C-alpha atoms as a PDB file:
ATOM      1  CA  MET A   1      86.492  92.830 116.679  1.00  0.00           C
ATOM      2  CA  PRO A   2      88.287  94.317 119.680  1.00  0.00           C
ATOM      3  CA  ALA A   3      91.287  95.365 117.557  1.00  0.00           C
ATOM      4  CA  MET A   4      89.126  97.623 115.375  1.00  0.00           C
ATOM      5  CA  ARG A   5      87.581  99.245 118.459  1.00  0.00           C
ATOM      6  CA  ASN A   6      91.108  99.915 119.719  1.00  0.00           C
ATOM      7  CA  VAL A   7      91.968 101.583 116.407  1.00  0.00           C
ATOM      8  CA  ARG A   8      88.948 103.881 116.780  1.00  0.00           C
ATOM      9  CA  LEU A   9      89.992 104.806 120.330  1.00  0.00           C
ATOM     10  CA  VAL A  10      93.546 105.581 119.217  1.00  0.00           C
ATOM     11  CA  LEU A  11      92.212 107.732 116.371  1.00  0.00           C
ATOM     12  CA  LEU A  12      89.969 109.691 118.732  1.00  0.00           C
ATOM     13  CA  ILE A  13      92.903 110.327 121.059  1.00  0.00           C
ATOM     14  CA  LEU A  14      95.145 111.411 118.179  1.00  0.00           C
ATOM     15  CA  ILE A  15      92.503 113.778 116.798  1.00  0.00           C
ATOM     16  CA  GLY A  16      92.022 115.265 120.254  1.00  0.00           C
ATOM     17  CA  LEU A  17      95.753 115.899 120.504  1.00  0.00           C
ATOM     18  CA  ALA A  18      95.892 117.409 117.015  1.00  0.00           C
ATOM     19  CA  VAL A  19      92.970 119.718 117.807  1.00  0.00           C
ATOM     20  CA  ALA A  20      94.548 120.701 121.135  1.00  0.00           C
ATOM     21  CA  LEU A  21      97.830 121.530 119.409  1.00  0.00           C
ATOM     22  CA  GLY A  22      95.982 123.539 116.782  1.00  0.00           C
ATOM     23  CA  LEU A  23      93.994 125.444 119.424  1.00  0.00           C
ATOM     24  CA  GLY A  24      97.208 126.742 120.956  1.00  0.00           C
ATOM     25  CA  GLN A  25      98.299 128.148 117.603  1.00  0.00           C
ATOM     26  CA  THR A  26      94.853 129.517 116.794  1.00  0.00           C
ATOM     27  CA  ARG A  27      94.838 131.764 119.863  1.00  0.00           C
ATOM     28  CA  LEU A  28      97.813 133.545 118.326  1.00  0.00           C
ATOM     29  CA  ALA A  29      95.992 134.292 115.047  1.00  0.00           C
ATOM     30  CA  TRP A  30      92.274 133.885 115.744  1.00  0.00           C
ATOM     31  CA  ALA A  31      91.243 136.280 112.947  1.00  0.00           C
ATOM     32  CA  GLU A  32      92.352 133.766 110.312  1.00  0.00           C
ATOM     33  CA  ALA A  33      91.965 130.050 109.831  1.00  0.00           C
ATOM     34  CA  THR A  34      94.875 128.015 111.133  1.00  0.00           C
ATOM     35  CA  THR A  35      95.823 124.719 109.567  1.00  0.00           C
ATOM     36  CA  VAL A  36      98.253 122.136 110.879  1.00  0.00           C
ATOM     37  CA  THR A  37      99.247 119.211 108.657  1.00  0.00           C
ATOM     38  CA  THR A  38     101.548 116.439 109.793  1.00  0.00           C
ATOM     39  CA  ASN A  39     102.768 113.429 107.852  1.00  0.00           C
ATOM     40  CA  THR A  40     104.535 110.710 109.755  1.00  0.00           C
ATOM     41  CA  THR A  41     105.261 107.012 109.617  1.00  0.00           C
ATOM     42  CA  LEU A  42     104.207 104.726 112.441  1.00  0.00           C
ATOM     43  CA  MET A  43     105.562 101.224 112.862  1.00  0.00           C
ATOM     44  CA  ILE A  44     103.223  98.412 113.803  1.00  0.00           C
ATOM     45  CA  ASP A  45     104.235  95.091 115.296  1.00  0.00           C
ATOM     46  CA  ARG A  46     101.310  93.086 116.583  1.00  0.00           C
ATOM     47  CA  LEU A  47      99.707  89.706 116.649  1.00  0.00           C
ATOM     48  CA  LEU A  48      96.304  89.455 114.999  1.00  0.00           C
ATOM     49  CA  PRO A  49      94.588  86.583 116.870  1.00  0.00           C
ATOM     50  CA  GLY A  50      93.063  83.742 114.875  1.00  0.00           C
ATOM     51  CA  ALA A  51      89.597  84.647 116.153  1.00  0.00           C
ATOM     52  CA  GLU A  52      89.955  87.927 114.246  1.00  0.00           C
ATOM     53  CA  ALA A  53      91.987  86.582 111.307  1.00  0.00           C
ATOM     54  CA  CYS A  54      90.181  83.693 109.639  1.00  0.00           C
ATOM     55  CA  GLY A  55      91.292  81.101 112.190  1.00  0.00           C
ATOM     56  CA  GLU A  56      95.077  81.606 112.065  1.00  0.00           C
ATOM     57  CA  ASP A  57      97.205  83.884 114.245  1.00  0.00           C
ATOM     58  CA  ILE A  58      99.034  86.354 111.998  1.00  0.00           C
ATOM     59  CA  HIS A  59     102.054  88.388 113.058  1.00  0.00           C
ATOM     60  CA  LEU A  60     101.844  91.800 111.328  1.00  0.00           C
ATOM     61  CA  SER A  61     104.665  94.313 111.153  1.00  0.00           C
ATOM     62  CA  GLY A  62     105.781  97.233 109.045  1.00  0.00           C
ATOM     63  CA  PRO A  63     105.290 100.927 108.373  1.00  0.00           C
ATOM     64  CA  VAL A  64     101.963 102.758 108.237  1.00  0.00           C
ATOM     65  CA  LYS A  65     101.801 106.258 106.764  1.00  0.00           C
ATOM     66  CA  ALA A  66      99.740 108.650 108.897  1.00  0.00           C
ATOM     67  CA  LEU A  67      98.400 112.027 107.746  1.00  0.00           C
ATOM     68  CA  PHE A  68      96.875 114.443 110.264  1.00  0.00           C
ATOM     69  CA  HIS A  69      95.230 117.597 108.883  1.00  0.00           C
ATOM     70  CA  VAL A  70      93.418 119.981 111.259  1.00  0.00           C
ATOM     71  CA  THR A  71      91.941 123.389 110.407  1.00  0.00           C
ATOM     72  CA  LEU A  72      90.548 125.750 113.017  1.00  0.00           C
ATOM     73  CA  ASP A  73      88.391 128.475 111.506  1.00  0.00           C
ATOM     74  CA  PRO A  74      87.903 132.053 112.769  1.00  0.00           C
ATOM     75  CA  SER A  75      84.415 131.265 114.103  1.00  0.00           C
ATOM     76  CA  GLY A  76      85.781 128.612 116.480  1.00  0.00           C
ATOM     77  CA  GLY A  77      85.003 125.614 114.314  1.00  0.00           C
ATOM     78  CA  PHE A  78      87.320 122.705 113.663  1.00  0.00           C
ATOM     79  CA  HIS A  79      87.723 120.466 110.642  1.00  0.00           C
ATOM     80  CA  SER A  80      90.012 117.450 110.733  1.00  0.00           C
ATOM     81  CA  VAL A  81      91.033 114.600 108.488  1.00  0.00           C
ATOM     82  CA  THR A  82      93.217 111.704 109.573  1.00  0.00           C
ATOM     83  CA  VAL A  83      94.257 108.965 107.155  1.00  0.00           C
ATOM     84  CA  PHE A  84      96.304 105.814 107.805  1.00  0.00           C
ATOM     85  CA  ASN A  85      97.706 103.703 104.919  1.00  0.00           C
ATOM     86  CA  PRO A  86      99.856 100.573 105.284  1.00  0.00           C
ATOM     87  CA  GLN A  87     103.126 101.052 103.381  1.00  0.00           C
ATOM     88  CA  GLY A  88     104.747  97.640 103.291  1.00  0.00           C
ATOM     89  CA  VAL A  89     102.964  95.982 106.211  1.00  0.00           C
ATOM     90  CA  THR A  90     103.534  92.244 105.956  1.00  0.00           C
ATOM     91  CA  GLY A  91     102.301  89.285 107.925  1.00  0.00           C
ATOM     92  CA  VAL A  92     103.181  85.666 108.549  1.00  0.00           C
ATOM     93  CA  GLY A  93     100.668  83.000 109.533  1.00  0.00           C
ATOM     94  CA  LEU A  94     102.008  81.382 112.698  1.00  0.00           C
ATOM     95  CA  THR A  95     100.498  77.987 111.847  1.00  0.00           C
ATOM     96  CA  SER A  96     100.812  77.733 108.061  1.00  0.00           C
ATOM     97  CA  GLY A  97     103.754  80.069 107.421  1.00  0.00           C
ATOM     98  CA  ALA A  98     101.631  81.755 104.743  1.00  0.00           C
ATOM     99  CA  THR A  99     102.570  85.333 103.896  1.00  0.00           C
ATOM    100  CA  TYR A 100     100.141  88.241 103.990  1.00  0.00           C
ATOM    101  CA  GLN A 101     100.127  91.847 102.804  1.00  0.00           C
ATOM    102  CA  GLY A 102      98.393  94.637 104.740  1.00  0.00           C
ATOM    103  CA  THR A 103      96.384  97.009 102.549  1.00  0.00           C
ATOM    104  CA  GLY A 104      93.492  99.415 102.838  1.00  0.00           C
ATOM    105  CA  GLU A 105      92.856 102.796 104.366  1.00  0.00           C
ATOM    106  CA  THR A 106      91.507 104.064 107.646  1.00  0.00           C
ATOM    107  CA  SER A 107      90.050 107.590 107.632  1.00  0.00           C
ATOM    108  CA  PHE A 108      88.590 109.786 110.341  1.00  0.00           C
ATOM    109  CA  PHE A 109      86.728 113.030 109.589  1.00  0.00           C
ATOM    110  CA  SER A 110      85.313 115.525 112.056  1.00  0.00           C
ATOM    111  CA  ASN A 111      83.659 118.935 111.778  1.00  0.00           C
ATOM    112  CA  GLY A 112      81.999 121.302 114.182  1.00  0.00           C
ATOM    113  CA  ARG A 113      82.593 123.266 117.324  1.00  0.00           C
ATOM    114  CA  ALA A 114      82.391 122.013 120.861  1.00  0.00           C
ATOM    115  CA  LEU A 115      78.711 121.610 119.866  1.00  0.00           C
ATOM    116  CA  PRO A 116      77.290 120.960 117.295  1.00  0.00           C
ATOM    117  CA  SER A 117      79.707 118.431 115.879  1.00  0.00           C
ATOM    118  CA  GLN A 118      79.940 115.397 113.675  1.00  0.00           C
ATOM    119  CA  PHE A 119      82.479 112.582 113.507  1.00  0.00           C
ATOM    120  CA  THR A 120      82.906 109.922 110.846  1.00  0.00           C
ATOM    121  CA  PHE A 121      85.300 106.975 110.994  1.00  0.00           C
ATOM    122  CA  GLU A 122      85.762 104.834 107.880  1.00  0.00           C
ATOM    123  CA  ASN A 123      87.912 101.706 108.022  1.00  0.00           C
ATOM    124  CA  ASN A 124      88.812  99.371 105.171  1.00  0.00           C
ATOM    125  CA  PHE A 125      91.319  96.949 106.671  1.00  0.00           C
ATOM    126  CA  LYS A 126      92.564  94.111 104.484  1.00  0.00           C
ATOM    127  CA  ILE A 127      95.056  91.358 105.155  1.00  0.00           C
ATOM    128  CA  ILE A 128      95.572  89.686 101.785  1.00  0.00           C
ATOM    129  CA  GLY A 129      97.108  86.196 101.695  1.00  0.00           C
ATOM    130  CA  HIS A 130      99.510  85.161  98.942  1.00  0.00           C
ATOM    131  CA  GLY A 131      98.620  81.944  97.159  1.00  0.00           C
ATOM    132  CA  PRO A 132      95.823  79.811  98.639  1.00  0.00           C
ATOM    133  CA  ALA A 133      95.823  81.644 102.006  1.00  0.00           C
ATOM    134  CA  ASN A 134      92.795  83.355 103.510  1.00  0.00           C
ATOM    135  CA  ASN A 135      92.018  87.032 102.962  1.00  0.00           C
ATOM    136  CA  LEU A 136      90.583  89.050 105.831  1.00  0.00           C
ATOM    137  CA  LEU A 137      88.332  91.932 104.779  1.00  0.00           C
ATOM    138  CA  VAL A 138      87.111  94.327 107.467  1.00  0.00           C
ATOM    139  CA  HIS A 139      84.878  97.318 106.836  1.00  0.00           C
ATOM    140  CA  GLU A 140      83.492  99.711 109.403  1.00  0.00           C
ATOM    141  CA  THR A 141      81.629 102.992 109.172  1.00  0.00           C
ATOM    142  CA  PHE A 142      81.041 104.841 112.426  1.00  0.00           C
ATOM    143  CA  HIS A 143      79.239 108.202 112.450  1.00  0.00           C
ATOM    144  CA  VAL A 144      77.915 110.459 115.212  1.00  0.00           C
ATOM    145  CA  THR A 145      76.119 113.814 114.883  1.00  0.00           C
ATOM    146  CA  VAL A 146      75.532 115.936 117.988  1.00  0.00           C
ATOM    147  CA  ASN A 147      73.210 118.990 118.022  1.00  0.00           C
ATOM    148  CA  PRO A 148      74.046 122.263 119.841  1.00  0.00           C
ATOM    149  CA  ASP A 149      72.010 121.144 122.863  1.00  0.00           C
ATOM    150  CA  GLY A 150      74.090 117.959 123.167  1.00  0.00           C
ATOM    151  CA  THR A 151      71.429 115.654 121.712  1.00  0.00           C
ATOM    152  CA  VAL A 152      72.820 112.845 119.557  1.00  0.00           C
ATOM    153  CA  THR A 153      70.715 112.953 116.394  1.00  0.00           C
ATOM    154  CA  ALA A 154      72.607 110.366 114.363  1.00  0.00           C
ATOM    155  CA  PHE A 155      74.553 107.325 115.446  1.00  0.00           C
ATOM    156  CA  VAL A 156      75.658 104.720 112.931  1.00  0.00           C
ATOM    157  CA  ASN A 157      78.030 101.831 113.499  1.00  0.00           C
ATOM    158  CA  ASN A 158      78.117  99.406 110.576  1.00  0.00           C
ATOM    159  CA  PHE A 159      80.735  96.705 110.933  1.00  0.00           C
ATOM    160  CA  SER A 160      81.515  93.684 108.810  1.00  0.00           C
ATOM    161  CA  SER A 161      84.371  91.208 108.817  1.00  0.00           C
ATOM    162  CA  LYS A 162      84.669  88.295 106.458  1.00  0.00           C
ATOM    163  CA  CYS A 163      87.185  85.746 105.296  1.00  0.00           C
ATOM    164  CA  LYS A 164      87.551  85.051 101.606  1.00  0.00           C
ATOM    165  CA  LYS A 165      89.551  82.132 100.318  1.00  0.00           C
END
């Protein structure tokens, strides 16, 4: 699903920005761990194509809560958690007029230094139809571990998407 790959790219960019912002603060107090936590609400307004949404185009819109938590430790390591939760995301099927509710959680975890490092992305994306409508259930686990010499020692990308009536 191209949309899920786009979500992963956006998450990687956001984590990079959060780490970069934290690095600037860490230089001021390198002897201690520095933690930056940000809660914000993002608004989504997008069309989920029928090829990705059980055969019907669905217009999704509404707020998504986003939590960014980055800790930089005194030894130069970083630890980050990013979590996205729909908070009232609704959808309308453009063919049937059926209503949908966005639920689930997308999480991104990373630990390490420049090298070694590990990254884990966990996505449980659900568009639940009211009444006899289709339910779209997407699950993805993406994990990468990189050794100090730059060798990738673990790479996992498990993806599933299914429609349930």
